[in-house]
């Protein structure tokens, strides 16, 4: 009986570890006022003068003519046709 409890406890601890690691990996969709959108996996503090909307990772837009995907790696944001790093 002691062995079963040990196995059950180990399973609970392992499951809890997986749940915590899944929470840590977050993603979001960020869009600027021009309709440029990109994915991010980190929460950045953008400069105050930059107007952005941050949406959950599964966000979908309704008006496809208003938004466009413009992916880019790194920390920054789209400003016109340029990626501004900060």
C-alpha atoms as a PDB file:
ATOM      1  CA  UNK A   1       0.000   0.000   0.000  1.00  0.00           C
ATOM      2  CA  UNK A   2       2.890   2.324   0.748  1.00  0.00           C
ATOM      3  CA  UNK A   3       4.308   1.786  -2.747  1.00  0.00           C
ATOM      4  CA  UNK A   4       0.984   2.758  -4.378  1.00  0.00           C
ATOM      5  CA  UNK A   5       0.881   6.002  -2.362  1.00  0.00           C
ATOM      6  CA  UNK A   6       4.444   6.800  -3.391  1.00  0.00           C
ATOM      7  CA  UNK A   7       3.630   6.234  -7.079  1.00  0.00           C
ATOM      8  CA  UNK A   8       0.437   8.295  -6.804  1.00  0.00           C
ATOM      9  CA  UNK A   9       2.290  11.152  -5.092  1.00  0.00           C
ATOM     10  CA  UNK A  10       5.003  11.087  -7.760  1.00  0.00           C
ATOM     11  CA  UNK A  11       2.342  11.270 -10.492  1.00  0.00           C
ATOM     12  CA  UNK A  12       0.673  14.265  -8.830  1.00  0.00           C
ATOM     13  CA  UNK A  13       3.996  16.092  -8.477  1.00  0.00           C
ATOM     14  CA  UNK A  14       4.938  15.366 -12.096  1.00  0.00           C
ATOM     15  CA  UNK A  15       1.538  16.558 -13.318  1.00  0.00           C
ATOM     16  CA  UNK A  16       1.846  19.738 -11.283  1.00  0.00           C
ATOM     17  CA  UNK A  17       5.248  20.416 -12.811  1.00  0.00           C
ATOM     18  CA  UNK A  18       3.819  20.097 -16.306  1.00  0.00           C
ATOM     19  CA  UNK A  19       0.974  22.464 -15.465  1.00  0.00           C
ATOM     20  CA  UNK A  20       3.382  25.117 -14.161  1.00  0.00           C
ATOM     21  CA  UNK A  21       5.628  24.857 -17.216  1.00  0.00           C
ATOM     22  CA  UNK A  22       2.620  25.219 -19.540  1.00  0.00           C
ATOM     23  CA  UNK A  23       1.516  28.409 -17.783  1.00  0.00           C
ATOM     24  CA  UNK A  24       4.954  29.978 -18.190  1.00  0.00           C
ATOM     25  CA  UNK A  25       4.851  29.770 -21.986  1.00  0.00           C
ATOM     26  CA  UNK A  26       2.552  32.594 -23.020  1.00  0.00           C
ATOM     27  CA  UNK A  27       2.003  34.115 -26.412  1.00  0.00           C
ATOM     28  CA  UNK A  28       0.115  37.120 -27.681  1.00  0.00           C
ATOM     29  CA  UNK A  29      -0.783  38.937 -30.873  1.00  0.00           C
ATOM     30  CA  UNK A  30       0.239  42.595 -30.955  1.00  0.00           C
ATOM     31  CA  UNK A  31      -1.229  45.073 -33.458  1.00  0.00           C
ATOM     32  CA  UNK A  32      -0.303  48.692 -34.077  1.00  0.00           C
ATOM     33  CA  UNK A  33      -2.635  51.507 -35.174  1.00  0.00           C
ATOM     34  CA  UNK A  34      -1.742  50.857 -38.838  1.00  0.00           C
ATOM     35  CA  UNK A  35      -3.059  47.273 -38.637  1.00  0.00           C
ATOM     36  CA  UNK A  36       0.329  45.533 -38.618  1.00  0.00           C
ATOM     37  CA  UNK A  37       0.138  42.458 -36.357  1.00  0.00           C
ATOM     38  CA  UNK A  38       2.788  40.054 -35.099  1.00  0.00           C
ATOM     39  CA  UNK A  39       3.199  37.297 -32.529  1.00  0.00           C
ATOM     40  CA  UNK A  40       5.211  37.708 -29.358  1.00  0.00           C
ATOM     41  CA  UNK A  41       6.094  35.219 -26.642  1.00  0.00           C
ATOM     42  CA  UNK A  42       7.220  37.787 -24.075  1.00  0.00           C
ATOM     43  CA  UNK A  43       5.487  40.634 -22.286  1.00  0.00           C
ATOM     44  CA  UNK A  44       7.340  43.839 -23.132  1.00  0.00           C
ATOM     45  CA  UNK A  45       6.885  47.340 -21.802  1.00  0.00           C
ATOM     46  CA  UNK A  46       6.567  49.260 -25.026  1.00  0.00           C
ATOM     47  CA  UNK A  47       7.508  52.959 -25.211  1.00  0.00           C
ATOM     48  CA  UNK A  48       4.645  55.189 -23.993  1.00  0.00           C
ATOM     49  CA  UNK A  49       4.285  56.996 -27.343  1.00  0.00           C
ATOM     50  CA  UNK A  50       3.595  53.727 -29.200  1.00  0.00           C
ATOM     51  CA  UNK A  51      -0.086  52.848 -29.635  1.00  0.00           C
ATOM     52  CA  UNK A  52      -0.537  49.069 -29.602  1.00  0.00           C
ATOM     53  CA  UNK A  53      -3.271  46.579 -28.856  1.00  0.00           C
ATOM     54  CA  UNK A  54      -2.254  43.301 -27.241  1.00  0.00           C
ATOM     55  CA  UNK A  55      -4.551  40.338 -27.846  1.00  0.00           C
ATOM     56  CA  UNK A  56      -4.504  36.719 -26.578  1.00  0.00           C
ATOM     57  CA  UNK A  57      -2.658  34.199 -28.765  1.00  0.00           C
ATOM     58  CA  UNK A  58      -5.887  32.774 -30.220  1.00  0.00           C
ATOM     59  CA  UNK A  59      -7.279  36.196 -31.229  1.00  0.00           C
ATOM     60  CA  UNK A  60      -8.771  36.405 -34.709  1.00  0.00           C
ATOM     61  CA  UNK A  61      -9.699  39.574 -36.495  1.00  0.00           C
ATOM     62  CA  UNK A  62     -13.013  40.043 -38.243  1.00  0.00           C
ATOM     63  CA  UNK A  63     -12.036  42.566 -40.937  1.00  0.00           C
ATOM     64  CA  UNK A  64      -9.156  41.052 -42.938  1.00  0.00           C
ATOM     65  CA  UNK A  65      -8.670  44.286 -44.902  1.00  0.00           C
ATOM     66  CA  UNK A  66      -7.833  46.219 -41.740  1.00  0.00           C
ATOM     67  CA  UNK A  67      -5.042  43.922 -40.453  1.00  0.00           C
ATOM     68  CA  UNK A  68      -1.994  42.180 -41.929  1.00  0.00           C
ATOM     69  CA  UNK A  69       0.592  39.783 -40.476  1.00  0.00           C
ATOM     70  CA  UNK A  70       4.126  41.135 -40.275  1.00  0.00           C
ATOM     71  CA  UNK A  71       6.162  38.713 -38.207  1.00  0.00           C
ATOM     72  CA  UNK A  72       9.578  39.669 -36.828  1.00  0.00           C
ATOM     73  CA  UNK A  73      11.951  38.209 -34.277  1.00  0.00           C
ATOM     74  CA  UNK A  74      13.216  40.181 -31.342  1.00  0.00           C
ATOM     75  CA  UNK A  75      12.017  42.929 -29.076  1.00  0.00           C
ATOM     76  CA  UNK A  76      10.363  45.765 -30.930  1.00  0.00           C
ATOM     77  CA  UNK A  77       7.343  46.925 -32.896  1.00  0.00           C
ATOM     78  CA  UNK A  78       6.341  47.846 -36.436  1.00  0.00           C
ATOM     79  CA  UNK A  79       6.364  51.577 -37.236  1.00  0.00           C
ATOM     80  CA  UNK A  80       5.338  52.127 -40.844  1.00  0.00           C
ATOM     81  CA  UNK A  81       7.533  49.835 -42.952  1.00  0.00           C
ATOM     82  CA  UNK A  82      10.301  49.596 -40.349  1.00  0.00           C
ATOM     83  CA  UNK A  83      10.816  47.316 -37.374  1.00  0.00           C
ATOM     84  CA  UNK A  84      11.811  49.531 -34.425  1.00  0.00           C
ATOM     85  CA  UNK A  85      13.874  47.744 -31.790  1.00  0.00           C
ATOM     86  CA  UNK A  86      13.969  49.009 -28.223  1.00  0.00           C
END
